[in-house]
PDB file of all heavy atoms in Angstrom:
ATOM      1  N   TRP A   1      -0.751  -6.646  -3.267  1.00  0.00           N
ATOM      2  CA  TRP A   1      -1.256  -5.514  -2.497  1.00  0.00           C
ATOM      3  C   TRP A   1      -2.666  -5.775  -1.973  1.00  0.00           C
ATOM      4  O   TRP A   1      -3.020  -5.328  -0.876  1.00  0.00           O
ATOM      5  CB  TRP A   1      -1.234  -4.247  -3.340  1.00  0.00           C
ATOM      6  CG  TRP A   1       0.143  -3.729  -3.591  1.00  0.00           C
ATOM      7  CD1 TRP A   1       0.871  -3.822  -4.733  1.00  0.00           C
ATOM      8  CD2 TRP A   1       0.979  -3.042  -2.659  1.00  0.00           C
ATOM      9  NE1 TRP A   1       2.101  -3.245  -4.577  1.00  0.00           N
ATOM     10  CE2 TRP A   1       2.193  -2.741  -3.313  1.00  0.00           C
ATOM     11  CE3 TRP A   1       0.824  -2.645  -1.331  1.00  0.00           C
ATOM     12  CZ2 TRP A   1       3.239  -2.077  -2.682  1.00  0.00           C
ATOM     13  CZ3 TRP A   1       1.865  -1.966  -0.704  1.00  0.00           C
ATOM     14  CH2 TRP A   1       3.062  -1.691  -1.375  1.00  0.00           C
ATOM     15  N   GLU A   2      -3.480  -6.473  -2.764  1.00  0.00           N
ATOM     16  CA  GLU A   2      -4.833  -6.787  -2.296  1.00  0.00           C
ATOM     17  C   GLU A   2      -4.792  -7.747  -1.116  1.00  0.00           C
ATOM     18  O   GLU A   2      -5.609  -7.657  -0.194  1.00  0.00           O
ATOM     19  CB  GLU A   2      -5.652  -7.414  -3.442  1.00  0.00           C
ATOM     20  CG  GLU A   2      -5.844  -6.507  -4.648  1.00  0.00           C
ATOM     21  CD  GLU A   2      -6.602  -5.237  -4.301  1.00  0.00           C
ATOM     22  OE1 GLU A   2      -7.508  -5.308  -3.441  1.00  0.00           O
ATOM     23  OE2 GLU A   2      -6.276  -4.174  -4.859  1.00  0.00           O
ATOM     24  N   LEU A   3      -3.825  -8.655  -1.125  1.00  0.00           N
ATOM     25  CA  LEU A   3      -3.751  -9.679  -0.086  1.00  0.00           C
ATOM     26  C   LEU A   3      -3.227  -9.153   1.246  1.00  0.00           C
ATOM     27  O   LEU A   3      -3.342  -9.840   2.265  1.00  0.00           O
ATOM     28  CB  LEU A   3      -2.860 -10.844  -0.566  1.00  0.00           C
ATOM     29  CG  LEU A   3      -3.381 -11.622  -1.783  1.00  0.00           C
ATOM     30  CD1 LEU A   3      -2.354 -12.649  -2.235  1.00  0.00           C
ATOM     31  CD2 LEU A   3      -4.710 -12.298  -1.466  1.00  0.00           C
ATOM     32  N   VAL A   4      -2.614  -7.956   1.252  1.00  0.00           N
ATOM     33  CA  VAL A   4      -2.079  -7.421   2.506  1.00  0.00           C
ATOM     34  C   VAL A   4      -2.971  -6.332   3.094  1.00  0.00           C
ATOM     35  O   VAL A   4      -2.596  -5.686   4.077  1.00  0.00           O
ATOM     36  CB  VAL A   4      -0.647  -6.861   2.312  1.00  0.00           C
ATOM     37  CG1 VAL A   4       0.294  -7.955   1.856  1.00  0.00           C
ATOM     38  CG2 VAL A   4      -0.636  -5.685   1.341  1.00  0.00           C
ATOM     39  N   LYS A   5      -4.142  -6.125   2.520  1.00  0.00           N
ATOM     40  CA  LYS A   5      -5.049  -5.102   3.034  1.00  0.00           C
ATOM     41  C   LYS A   5      -5.719  -5.576   4.321  1.00  0.00           C
ATOM     42  O   LYS A   5      -6.005  -6.770   4.484  1.00  0.00           O
ATOM     43  CB  LYS A   5      -6.089  -4.738   1.990  1.00  0.00           C
ATOM     44  CG  LYS A   5      -5.507  -3.951   0.823  1.00  0.00           C
ATOM     45  CD  LYS A   5      -6.561  -3.575  -0.178  1.00  0.00           C
ATOM     46  CE  LYS A   5      -5.946  -2.695  -1.275  1.00  0.00           C
ATOM     47  NZ  LYS A   5      -6.932  -2.332  -2.305  1.00  0.00           N
ATOM     48  N   PRO A   6      -5.999  -4.661   5.238  1.00  0.00           N
ATOM     49  CA  PRO A   6      -6.651  -5.047   6.495  1.00  0.00           C
ATOM     50  C   PRO A   6      -7.964  -5.787   6.289  1.00  0.00           C
ATOM     51  O   PRO A   6      -8.273  -6.729   7.015  1.00  0.00           O
ATOM     52  CB  PRO A   6      -6.874  -3.701   7.198  1.00  0.00           C
ATOM     53  CG  PRO A   6      -5.843  -2.799   6.638  1.00  0.00           C
ATOM     54  CD  PRO A   6      -5.657  -3.222   5.215  1.00  0.00           C
ATOM     55  N   SER A   7      -8.744  -5.367   5.283  1.00  0.00           N
ATOM     56  CA  SER A   7     -10.037  -6.011   5.052  1.00  0.00           C
ATOM     57  C   SER A   7      -9.865  -7.465   4.626  1.00  0.00           C
ATOM     58  O   SER A   7     -10.727  -8.302   4.894  1.00  0.00           O
ATOM     59  CB  SER A   7     -10.820  -5.248   3.983  1.00  0.00           C
ATOM     60  OG  SER A   7     -10.108  -5.233   2.755  1.00  0.00           O
ATOM     61  N   HIS A   8      -8.756  -7.785   3.946  1.00  0.00           N
ATOM     62  CA  HIS A   8      -8.517  -9.164   3.514  1.00  0.00           C
ATOM     63  C   HIS A   8      -7.977 -10.017   4.660  1.00  0.00           C
ATOM     64  O   HIS A   8      -8.381 -11.171   4.831  1.00  0.00           O
ATOM     65  CB  HIS A   8      -7.538  -9.190   2.339  1.00  0.00           C
ATOM     66  CG  HIS A   8      -7.223 -10.578   1.846  1.00  0.00           C
ATOM     67  ND1 HIS A   8      -8.025 -11.243   0.952  1.00  0.00           N
ATOM     68  CD2 HIS A   8      -6.199 -11.420   2.149  1.00  0.00           C
ATOM     69  CE1 HIS A   8      -7.518 -12.443   0.720  1.00  0.00           C
ATOM     70  NE2 HIS A   8      -6.406 -12.569   1.433  1.00  0.00           N
ATOM     71  N   LEU A   9      -7.082  -9.440   5.450  1.00  0.00           N
ATOM     72  CA  LEU A   9      -6.467 -10.212   6.529  1.00  0.00           C
ATOM     73  C   LEU A   9      -7.395 -10.389   7.725  1.00  0.00           C
ATOM     74  O   LEU A   9      -7.308 -11.384   8.447  1.00  0.00           O
ATOM     75  CB  LEU A   9      -5.170  -9.526   6.975  1.00  0.00           C
ATOM     76  CG  LEU A   9      -4.054  -9.459   5.925  1.00  0.00           C
ATOM     77  CD1 LEU A   9      -2.873  -8.667   6.459  1.00  0.00           C
ATOM     78  CD2 LEU A   9      -3.605 -10.849   5.511  1.00  0.00           C
ATOM     79  N   GLY A  10      -8.285  -9.413   7.935  1.00  0.00           N
ATOM     80  CA  GLY A  10      -9.223  -9.518   9.044  1.00  0.00           C
ATOM     81  C   GLY A  10      -8.521  -9.651  10.380  1.00  0.00           C
ATOM     82  O   GLY A  10      -7.623  -8.886  10.734  1.00  0.00           O
ATOM     83  N   ALA A  11      -8.915 -10.681  11.147  1.00  0.00           N
ATOM     84  CA  ALA A  11      -8.341 -10.892  12.478  1.00  0.00           C
ATOM     85  C   ALA A  11      -6.884 -11.329  12.422  1.00  0.00           C
ATOM     86  O   ALA A  11      -6.179 -11.296  13.433  1.00  0.00           O
ATOM     87  CB  ALA A  11      -9.162 -11.932  13.236  1.00  0.00           C
ATOM     88  N   ASN A  12      -6.417 -11.727  11.239  1.00  0.00           N
ATOM     89  CA  ASN A  12      -5.033 -12.208  11.096  1.00  0.00           C
ATOM     90  C   ASN A  12      -4.033 -11.091  10.799  1.00  0.00           C
ATOM     91  O   ASN A  12      -2.861 -11.368  10.583  1.00  0.00           O
ATOM     92  CB  ASN A  12      -4.959 -13.255   9.982  1.00  0.00           C
ATOM     93  CG  ASN A  12      -5.759 -14.497  10.309  1.00  0.00           C
ATOM     94  OD1 ASN A  12      -5.775 -14.939  11.461  1.00  0.00           O
ATOM     95  ND2 ASN A  12      -6.434 -15.062   9.311  1.00  0.00           N
ATOM     96  N   LYS A  13      -4.497  -9.860  10.756  1.00  0.00           N
ATOM     97  CA  LYS A  13      -3.572  -8.780  10.415  1.00  0.00           C
ATOM     98  C   LYS A  13      -2.576  -8.555  11.545  1.00  0.00           C
ATOM     99  O   LYS A  13      -2.890  -8.747  12.728  1.00  0.00           O
ATOM    100  CB  LYS A  13      -4.337  -7.496  10.114  1.00  0.00           C
ATOM    101  CG  LYS A  13      -5.074  -6.898  11.293  1.00  0.00           C
ATOM    102  CD  LYS A  13      -5.845  -5.662  10.848  1.00  0.00           C
ATOM    103  CE  LYS A  13      -6.579  -5.035  12.026  1.00  0.00           C
ATOM    104  NZ  LYS A  13      -7.349  -3.848  11.597  1.00  0.00           N
ATOM    105  N   PRO A  14      -1.346  -8.145  11.223  1.00  0.00           N
ATOM    106  CA  PRO A  14      -0.305  -7.944  12.244  1.00  0.00           C
ATOM    107  C   PRO A  14      -0.664  -6.815  13.208  1.00  0.00           C
ATOM    108  O   PRO A  14      -1.495  -5.952  12.903  1.00  0.00           O
ATOM    109  CB  PRO A  14       0.931  -7.587  11.413  1.00  0.00           C
ATOM    110  CG  PRO A  14       0.641  -8.083  10.040  1.00  0.00           C
ATOM    111  CD  PRO A  14      -0.832  -7.966   9.860  1.00  0.00           C
ATOM    112  N   SER A  15       0.005  -6.792  14.319  1.00  0.00           N
ATOM    113  CA  SER A  15      -0.272  -5.783  15.345  1.00  0.00           C
ATOM    114  C   SER A  15       0.133  -4.379  14.896  1.00  0.00           C
ATOM    115  O   SER A  15      -0.395  -3.390  15.410  1.00  0.00           O
ATOM    116  CB  SER A  15       0.464  -6.142  16.643  1.00  0.00           C
ATOM    117  OG  SER A  15       1.873  -6.219  16.409  1.00  0.00           O
ATOM    118  N   TRP A  16       1.074  -4.276  13.943  1.00  0.00           N
ATOM    119  CA  TRP A  16       1.511  -2.950  13.489  1.00  0.00           C
ATOM    120  C   TRP A  16       0.593  -2.347  12.436  1.00  0.00           C
ATOM    121  O   TRP A  16       0.835  -1.247  11.953  1.00  0.00           O
ATOM    122  CB  TRP A  16       2.947  -3.006  12.963  1.00  0.00           C
ATOM    123  CG  TRP A  16       3.218  -4.064  11.927  1.00  0.00           C
ATOM    124  CD1 TRP A  16       3.591  -5.357  12.166  1.00  0.00           C
ATOM    125  CD2 TRP A  16       3.130  -3.923  10.501  1.00  0.00           C
ATOM    126  NE1 TRP A  16       3.763  -6.025  10.968  1.00  0.00           N
ATOM    127  CE2 TRP A  16       3.483  -5.178   9.931  1.00  0.00           C
ATOM    128  CE3 TRP A  16       2.801  -2.879   9.651  1.00  0.00           C
ATOM    129  CZ2 TRP A  16       3.504  -5.396   8.562  1.00  0.00           C
ATOM    130  CZ3 TRP A  16       2.819  -3.087   8.282  1.00  0.00           C
ATOM    131  CH2 TRP A  16       3.172  -4.338   7.747  1.00  0.00           C
ATOM    132  N   TYR A  17      -0.472  -3.027  12.089  1.00  0.00           N
ATOM    133  CA  TYR A  17      -1.452  -2.492  11.140  1.00  0.00           C
ATOM    134  C   TYR A  17      -2.316  -1.442  11.851  1.00  0.00           C
ATOM    135  O   TYR A  17      -3.290  -1.765  12.527  1.00  0.00           O
ATOM    136  CB  TYR A  17      -2.344  -3.613  10.618  1.00  0.00           C
ATOM    137  CG  TYR A  17      -1.916  -4.213   9.309  1.00  0.00           C
ATOM    138  CD1 TYR A  17      -0.603  -4.595   9.091  1.00  0.00           C
ATOM    139  CD2 TYR A  17      -2.832  -4.428   8.278  1.00  0.00           C
ATOM    140  CE1 TYR A  17      -0.207  -5.162   7.902  1.00  0.00           C
ATOM    141  CE2 TYR A  17      -2.450  -4.999   7.073  1.00  0.00           C
ATOM    142  CZ  TYR A  17      -1.134  -5.363   6.885  1.00  0.00           C
ATOM    143  OH  TYR A  17      -0.750  -5.920   5.695  1.00  0.00           O
ATOM    144  N   ASN A  18      -1.982  -0.182  11.710  1.00  0.00           N
ATOM    145  CA  ASN A  18      -2.811   0.892  12.250  1.00  0.00           C
ATOM    146  C   ASN A  18      -3.265   1.818  11.126  1.00  0.00           C
ATOM    147  O   ASN A  18      -3.204   3.031  11.208  1.00  0.00           O
ATOM    148  CB  ASN A  18      -2.063   1.677  13.327  1.00  0.00           C
ATOM    149  CG  ASN A  18      -0.823   2.357  12.787  1.00  0.00           C
ATOM    150  OD1 ASN A  18      -0.292   1.959  11.736  1.00  0.00           O
ATOM    151  ND2 ASN A  18      -0.343   3.369  13.475  1.00  0.00           N
ATOM    152  N   PHE A  19      -3.688   1.236  10.023  1.00  0.00           N
ATOM    153  CA  PHE A  19      -4.109   1.986   8.841  1.00  0.00           C
ATOM    154  C   PHE A  19      -5.245   1.232   8.169  1.00  0.00           C
ATOM    155  O   PHE A  19      -5.520   0.068   8.479  1.00  0.00           O
ATOM    156  CB  PHE A  19      -2.941   2.172   7.866  1.00  0.00           C
ATOM    157  CG  PHE A  19      -2.117   0.926   7.648  1.00  0.00           C
ATOM    158  CD1 PHE A  19      -2.537  -0.053   6.752  1.00  0.00           C
ATOM    159  CD2 PHE A  19      -0.928   0.725   8.335  1.00  0.00           C
ATOM    160  CE1 PHE A  19      -1.783  -1.198   6.551  1.00  0.00           C
ATOM    161  CE2 PHE A  19      -0.173  -0.418   8.138  1.00  0.00           C
ATOM    162  CZ  PHE A  19      -0.599  -1.388   7.243  1.00  0.00           C
ATOM    163  N   ASP A  20      -5.910   1.905   7.233  1.00  0.00           N
ATOM    164  CA  ASP A  20      -7.019   1.284   6.522  1.00  0.00           C
ATOM    165  C   ASP A  20      -6.586   0.868   5.120  1.00  0.00           C
ATOM    166  O   ASP A  20      -5.432   1.024   4.723  1.00  0.00           O
ATOM    167  CB  ASP A  20      -8.230   2.222   6.471  1.00  0.00           C
ATOM    168  CG  ASP A  20      -7.926   3.530   5.763  1.00  0.00           C
ATOM    169  OD1 ASP A  20      -6.837   3.634   5.150  1.00  0.00           O
ATOM    170  OD2 ASP A  20      -8.760   4.440   5.811  1.00  0.00           O
ATOM    171  N   ASP A  21      -7.547   0.328   4.355  1.00  0.00           N
ATOM    172  CA  ASP A  21      -7.237  -0.179   3.018  1.00  0.00           C
ATOM    173  C   ASP A  21      -6.772   0.926   2.074  1.00  0.00           C
ATOM    174  O   ASP A  21      -5.910   0.704   1.226  1.00  0.00           O
ATOM    175  CB  ASP A  21      -8.464  -0.868   2.424  1.00  0.00           C
ATOM    176  CG  ASP A  21      -8.741  -2.215   3.065  1.00  0.00           C
ATOM    177  OD1 ASP A  21      -8.066  -2.582   4.040  1.00  0.00           O
ATOM    178  OD2 ASP A  21      -9.637  -2.898   2.583  1.00  0.00           O
ATOM    179  N   ALA A  22      -7.368   2.100   2.203  1.00  0.00           N
ATOM    180  CA  ALA A  22      -7.009   3.186   1.292  1.00  0.00           C
ATOM    181  C   ALA A  22      -5.553   3.586   1.458  1.00  0.00           C
ATOM    182  O   ALA A  22      -4.889   3.965   0.497  1.00  0.00           O
ATOM    183  CB  ALA A  22      -7.918   4.397   1.523  1.00  0.00           C
ATOM    184  N   TRP A  23      -5.035   3.527   2.688  1.00  0.00           N
ATOM    185  CA  TRP A  23      -3.626   3.877   2.893  1.00  0.00           C
ATOM    186  C   TRP A  23      -2.719   2.869   2.206  1.00  0.00           C
ATOM    187  O   TRP A  23      -1.650   3.223   1.705  1.00  0.00           O
ATOM    188  CB  TRP A  23      -3.308   3.947   4.390  1.00  0.00           C
ATOM    189  CG  TRP A  23      -2.015   4.659   4.656  1.00  0.00           C
ATOM    190  CD1 TRP A  23      -1.777   5.997   4.583  1.00  0.00           C
ATOM    191  CD2 TRP A  23      -0.764   4.059   5.033  1.00  0.00           C
ATOM    192  NE1 TRP A  23      -0.467   6.275   4.895  1.00  0.00           N
ATOM    193  CE2 TRP A  23       0.184   5.107   5.179  1.00  0.00           C
ATOM    194  CE3 TRP A  23      -0.349   2.750   5.273  1.00  0.00           C
ATOM    195  CZ2 TRP A  23       1.497   4.888   5.537  1.00  0.00           C
ATOM    196  CZ3 TRP A  23       0.972   2.524   5.643  1.00  0.00           C
ATOM    197  CH2 TRP A  23       1.883   3.584   5.769  1.00  0.00           C
ATOM    198  N   VAL A  24      -3.122   1.604   2.156  1.00  0.00           N
ATOM    199  CA  VAL A  24      -2.357   0.593   1.424  1.00  0.00           C
ATOM    200  C   VAL A  24      -2.268   0.980  -0.041  1.00  0.00           C
ATOM    201  O   VAL A  24      -1.204   0.890  -0.667  1.00  0.00           O
ATOM    202  CB  VAL A  24      -3.006  -0.802   1.574  1.00  0.00           C
ATOM    203  CG1 VAL A  24      -2.245  -1.835   0.733  1.00  0.00           C
ATOM    204  CG2 VAL A  24      -3.028  -1.226   3.030  1.00  0.00           C
ATOM    205  N   ASP A  25      -3.398   1.434  -0.615  1.00  0.00           N
ATOM    206  CA  ASP A  25      -3.394   1.854  -2.015  1.00  0.00           C
ATOM    207  C   ASP A  25      -2.506   3.075  -2.234  1.00  0.00           C
ATOM    208  O   ASP A  25      -1.815   3.186  -3.241  1.00  0.00           O
ATOM    209  CB  ASP A  25      -4.815   2.159  -2.479  1.00  0.00           C
ATOM    210  CG  ASP A  25      -5.634   0.903  -2.703  1.00  0.00           C
ATOM    211  OD1 ASP A  25      -5.123  -0.023  -3.362  1.00  0.00           O
ATOM    212  OD2 ASP A  25      -6.775   0.836  -2.214  1.00  0.00           O
ATOM    213  N   GLU A  26      -2.530   3.992  -1.279  1.00  0.00           N
ATOM    214  CA  GLU A  26      -1.669   5.167  -1.390  1.00  0.00           C
ATOM    215  C   GLU A  26      -0.190   4.780  -1.325  1.00  0.00           C
ATOM    216  O   GLU A  26       0.636   5.316  -2.072  1.00  0.00           O
ATOM    217  CB  GLU A  26      -2.000   6.158  -0.278  1.00  0.00           C
ATOM    218  CG  GLU A  26      -3.282   6.924  -0.479  1.00  0.00           C
ATOM    219  CD  GLU A  26      -3.361   8.091   0.478  1.00  0.00           C
ATOM    220  OE1 GLU A  26      -3.720   7.871   1.648  1.00  0.00           O
ATOM    221  OE2 GLU A  26      -3.041   9.220   0.065  1.00  0.00           O
ATOM    222  N   VAL A  27       0.143   3.874  -0.410  1.00  0.00           N
ATOM    223  CA  VAL A  27       1.539   3.418  -0.292  1.00  0.00           C
ATOM    224  C   VAL A  27       1.951   2.708  -1.569  1.00  0.00           C
ATOM    225  O   VAL A  27       3.072   2.883  -2.064  1.00  0.00           O
ATOM    226  CB  VAL A  27       1.704   2.494   0.931  1.00  0.00           C
ATOM    227  CG1 VAL A  27       3.069   1.825   0.925  1.00  0.00           C
ATOM    228  CG2 VAL A  27       1.523   3.293   2.210  1.00  0.00           C
ATOM    229  N   ARG A  28       1.051   1.917  -2.124  1.00  0.00           N
ATOM    230  CA  ARG A  28       1.334   1.235  -3.395  1.00  0.00           C
ATOM    231  C   ARG A  28       1.650   2.244  -4.487  1.00  0.00           C
ATOM    232  O   ARG A  28       2.610   2.096  -5.243  1.00  0.00           O
ATOM    233  CB  ARG A  28       0.114   0.396  -3.770  1.00  0.00           C
ATOM    234  CG  ARG A  28       0.187  -0.284  -5.124  1.00  0.00           C
ATOM    235  CD  ARG A  28      -1.134  -0.984  -5.379  1.00  0.00           C
ATOM    236  NE  ARG A  28      -1.106  -1.774  -6.590  1.00  0.00           N
ATOM    237  CZ  ARG A  28      -2.118  -2.542  -6.976  1.00  0.00           C
ATOM    238  NH1 ARG A  28      -3.201  -2.623  -6.243  1.00  0.00           N
ATOM    239  NH2 ARG A  28      -2.037  -3.234  -8.093  1.00  0.00           N
ATOM    240  N   ARG A  29       0.835   3.294  -4.547  1.00  0.00           N
ATOM    241  CA  ARG A  29       1.061   4.343  -5.533  1.00  0.00           C
ATOM    242  C   ARG A  29       2.366   5.077  -5.263  1.00  0.00           C
ATOM    243  O   ARG A  29       3.113   5.425  -6.186  1.00  0.00           O
ATOM    244  CB  ARG A  29      -0.118   5.320  -5.503  1.00  0.00           C
ATOM    245  CG  ARG A  29      -0.042   6.441  -6.520  1.00  0.00           C
ATOM    246  CD  ARG A  29      -1.244   7.371  -6.386  1.00  0.00           C
ATOM    247  NE  ARG A  29      -1.256   8.042  -5.084  1.00  0.00           N
ATOM    248  CZ  ARG A  29      -2.215   8.880  -4.688  1.00  0.00           C
ATOM    249  NH1 ARG A  29      -3.247   9.113  -5.484  1.00  0.00           N
ATOM    250  NH2 ARG A  29      -2.161   9.458  -3.512  1.00  0.00           N
ATOM    251  N   GLY A  30       2.685   5.327  -3.970  1.00  0.00           N
ATOM    252  CA  GLY A  30       3.926   6.008  -3.622  1.00  0.00           C
ATOM    253  C   GLY A  30       5.159   5.215  -4.009  1.00  0.00           C
ATOM    254  O   GLY A  30       6.123   5.758  -4.553  1.00  0.00           O
ATOM    255  N   TRP A  31       5.137   3.889  -3.743  1.00  0.00           N
ATOM    256  CA  TRP A  31       6.276   3.060  -4.146  1.00  0.00           C
ATOM    257  C   TRP A  31       6.378   2.996  -5.667  1.00  0.00           C
ATOM    258  O   TRP A  31       7.479   2.906  -6.225  1.00  0.00           O
ATOM    259  CB  TRP A  31       6.145   1.651  -3.564  1.00  0.00           C
ATOM    260  CG  TRP A  31       6.486   1.557  -2.115  1.00  0.00           C
ATOM    261  CD1 TRP A  31       5.664   1.187  -1.093  1.00  0.00           C
ATOM    262  CD2 TRP A  31       7.751   1.846  -1.503  1.00  0.00           C
ATOM    263  NE1 TRP A  31       6.327   1.233   0.105  1.00  0.00           N
ATOM    264  CE2 TRP A  31       7.608   1.633  -0.112  1.00  0.00           C
ATOM    265  CE3 TRP A  31       8.978   2.270  -1.995  1.00  0.00           C
ATOM    266  CZ2 TRP A  31       8.654   1.817   0.787  1.00  0.00           C
ATOM    267  CZ3 TRP A  31      10.017   2.463  -1.097  1.00  0.00           C
ATOM    268  CH2 TRP A  31       9.857   2.237   0.266  1.00  0.00           C
ATOM    269  N   GLY A  32       5.229   3.043  -6.340  1.00  0.00           N
ATOM    270  CA  GLY A  32       5.264   3.087  -7.805  1.00  0.00           C
ATOM    271  C   GLY A  32       5.953   4.338  -8.305  1.00  0.00           C
ATOM    272  O   GLY A  32       6.721   4.302  -9.269  1.00  0.00           O
ATOM    273  N   ALA A  33       5.691   5.481  -7.633  1.00  0.00           N
ATOM    274  CA  ALA A  33       6.369   6.725  -8.001  1.00  0.00           C
ATOM    275  C   ALA A  33       7.867   6.607  -7.794  1.00  0.00           C
ATOM    276  O   ALA A  33       8.669   7.070  -8.617  1.00  0.00           O
ATOM    277  CB  ALA A  33       5.801   7.886  -7.181  1.00  0.00           C
ATOM    278  N   CYS A  34       8.270   5.982  -6.675  1.00  0.00           N
ATOM    279  CA  CYS A  34       9.708   5.788  -6.426  1.00  0.00           C
ATOM    280  C   CYS A  34      10.329   4.934  -7.524  1.00  0.00           C
ATOM    281  O   CYS A  34      11.493   5.134  -7.909  1.00  0.00           O
ATOM    282  CB  CYS A  34       9.924   5.139  -5.063  1.00  0.00           C
ATOM    283  SG  CYS A  34       9.492   6.212  -3.665  1.00  0.00           S
ATOM    284  N   GLY A  35       9.559   3.965  -8.045  1.00  0.00           N
ATOM    285  CA  GLY A  35      10.048   3.156  -9.160  1.00  0.00           C
ATOM    286  C   GLY A  35      10.303   3.995 -10.391  1.00  0.00           C
ATOM    287  O   GLY A  35      11.291   3.801 -11.117  1.00  0.00           O
ATOM    288  N   VAL A  36       9.424   4.975 -10.641  1.00  0.00           N
ATOM    289  CA  VAL A  36       9.624   5.888 -11.772  1.00  0.00           C
ATOM    290  C   VAL A  36      10.923   6.669 -11.599  1.00  0.00           C
ATOM    291  O   VAL A  36      11.692   6.863 -12.542  1.00  0.00           O
ATOM    292  CB  VAL A  36       8.421   6.857 -11.896  1.00  0.00           C
ATOM    293  CG1 VAL A  36       8.724   7.978 -12.887  1.00  0.00           C
ATOM    294  CG2 VAL A  36       7.170   6.105 -12.330  1.00  0.00           C
ATOM    295  N   PHE A  37      11.194   7.111 -10.369  1.00  0.00           N
ATOM    296  CA  PHE A  37      12.384   7.926 -10.122  1.00  0.00           C
ATOM    297  C   PHE A  37      13.677   7.156 -10.348  1.00  0.00           C
ATOM    298  O   PHE A  37      14.722   7.760 -10.594  1.00  0.00           O
ATOM    299  CB  PHE A  37      12.367   8.475  -8.689  1.00  0.00           C
ATOM    300  CG  PHE A  37      11.158   9.301  -8.363  1.00  0.00           C
ATOM    301  CD1 PHE A  37      10.663   9.340  -7.074  1.00  0.00           C
ATOM    302  CD2 PHE A  37      10.510  10.021  -9.350  1.00  0.00           C
ATOM    303  CE1 PHE A  37       9.548  10.090  -6.765  1.00  0.00           C
ATOM    304  CE2 PHE A  37       9.386  10.770  -9.059  1.00  0.00           C
ATOM    305  CZ  PHE A  37       8.905  10.807  -7.760  1.00  0.00           C
ATOM    306  N   MET A  38      13.631   5.840 -10.250  1.00  0.00           N
ATOM    307  CA  MET A  38      14.836   5.043 -10.445  1.00  0.00           C
ATOM    308  C   MET A  38      15.357   5.133 -11.877  1.00  0.00           C
ATOM    309  O   MET A  38      16.521   4.826 -12.140  1.00  0.00           O
ATOM    310  CB  MET A  38      14.565   3.582 -10.083  1.00  0.00           C
ATOM    311  CG  MET A  38      14.283   3.320  -8.612  1.00  0.00           C
ATOM    312  SD  MET A  38      15.642   3.839  -7.507  1.00  0.00           S
ATOM    313  CE  MET A  38      14.963   5.376  -6.832  1.00  0.00           C
ATOM    314  N   TRP A  39      14.503   5.551 -12.804  1.00  0.00           N
ATOM    315  CA  TRP A  39      14.924   5.717 -14.202  1.00  0.00           C
ATOM    316  C   TRP A  39      15.563   7.082 -14.449  1.00  0.00           C
ATOM    317  O   TRP A  39      16.313   7.262 -15.408  1.00  0.00           O
ATOM    318  CB  TRP A  39      13.731   5.562 -15.142  1.00  0.00           C
ATOM    319  CG  TRP A  39      13.089   4.212 -15.146  1.00  0.00           C
ATOM    320  CD1 TRP A  39      12.332   3.653 -14.156  1.00  0.00           C
ATOM    321  CD2 TRP A  39      13.139   3.233 -16.190  1.00  0.00           C
ATOM    322  NE1 TRP A  39      11.906   2.406 -14.517  1.00  0.00           N
ATOM    323  CE2 TRP A  39      12.382   2.120 -15.761  1.00  0.00           C
ATOM    324  CE3 TRP A  39      13.734   3.196 -17.451  1.00  0.00           C
ATOM    325  CZ2 TRP A  39      12.216   0.987 -16.543  1.00  0.00           C
ATOM    326  CZ3 TRP A  39      13.569   2.069 -18.237  1.00  0.00           C
ATOM    327  CH2 TRP A  39      12.823   0.975 -17.782  1.00  0.00           C
ATOM    328  N   VAL A  40      15.223   8.042 -13.602  1.00  0.00           N
ATOM    329  CA  VAL A  40      15.602   9.434 -13.860  1.00  0.00           C
ATOM    330  C   VAL A  40      17.111   9.685 -13.858  1.00  0.00           C
ATOM    331  O   VAL A  40      17.585  10.554 -14.608  1.00  0.00           O
ATOM    332  CB  VAL A  40      14.872  10.363 -12.860  1.00  0.00           C
ATOM    333  CG1 VAL A  40      15.305  11.817 -13.034  1.00  0.00           C
ATOM    334  CG2 VAL A  40      13.362  10.247 -13.044  1.00  0.00           C
ATOM    335  N   PRO A  41      17.935   8.988 -13.025  1.00  0.00           N
ATOM    336  CA  PRO A  41      19.382   9.235 -13.103  1.00  0.00           C
ATOM    337  C   PRO A  41      19.956   9.077 -14.500  1.00  0.00           C
ATOM    338  O   PRO A  41      20.941   9.751 -14.838  1.00  0.00           O
ATOM    339  CB  PRO A  41      19.962   8.179 -12.146  1.00  0.00           C
ATOM    340  CG  PRO A  41      18.890   7.953 -11.141  1.00  0.00           C
ATOM    341  CD  PRO A  41      17.601   8.060 -11.923  1.00  0.00           C
TER     342      PRO A  41
END
């Protein structure tokens, strides 16, 4: 997750990167929540 942040990639970041580093952390946390839900069934 640290390696895919805009601040790390700099000029090499993909064209679809229209977000900042904090959003990466939020997405990381969101996918972590989805991982928790996989146990609930």
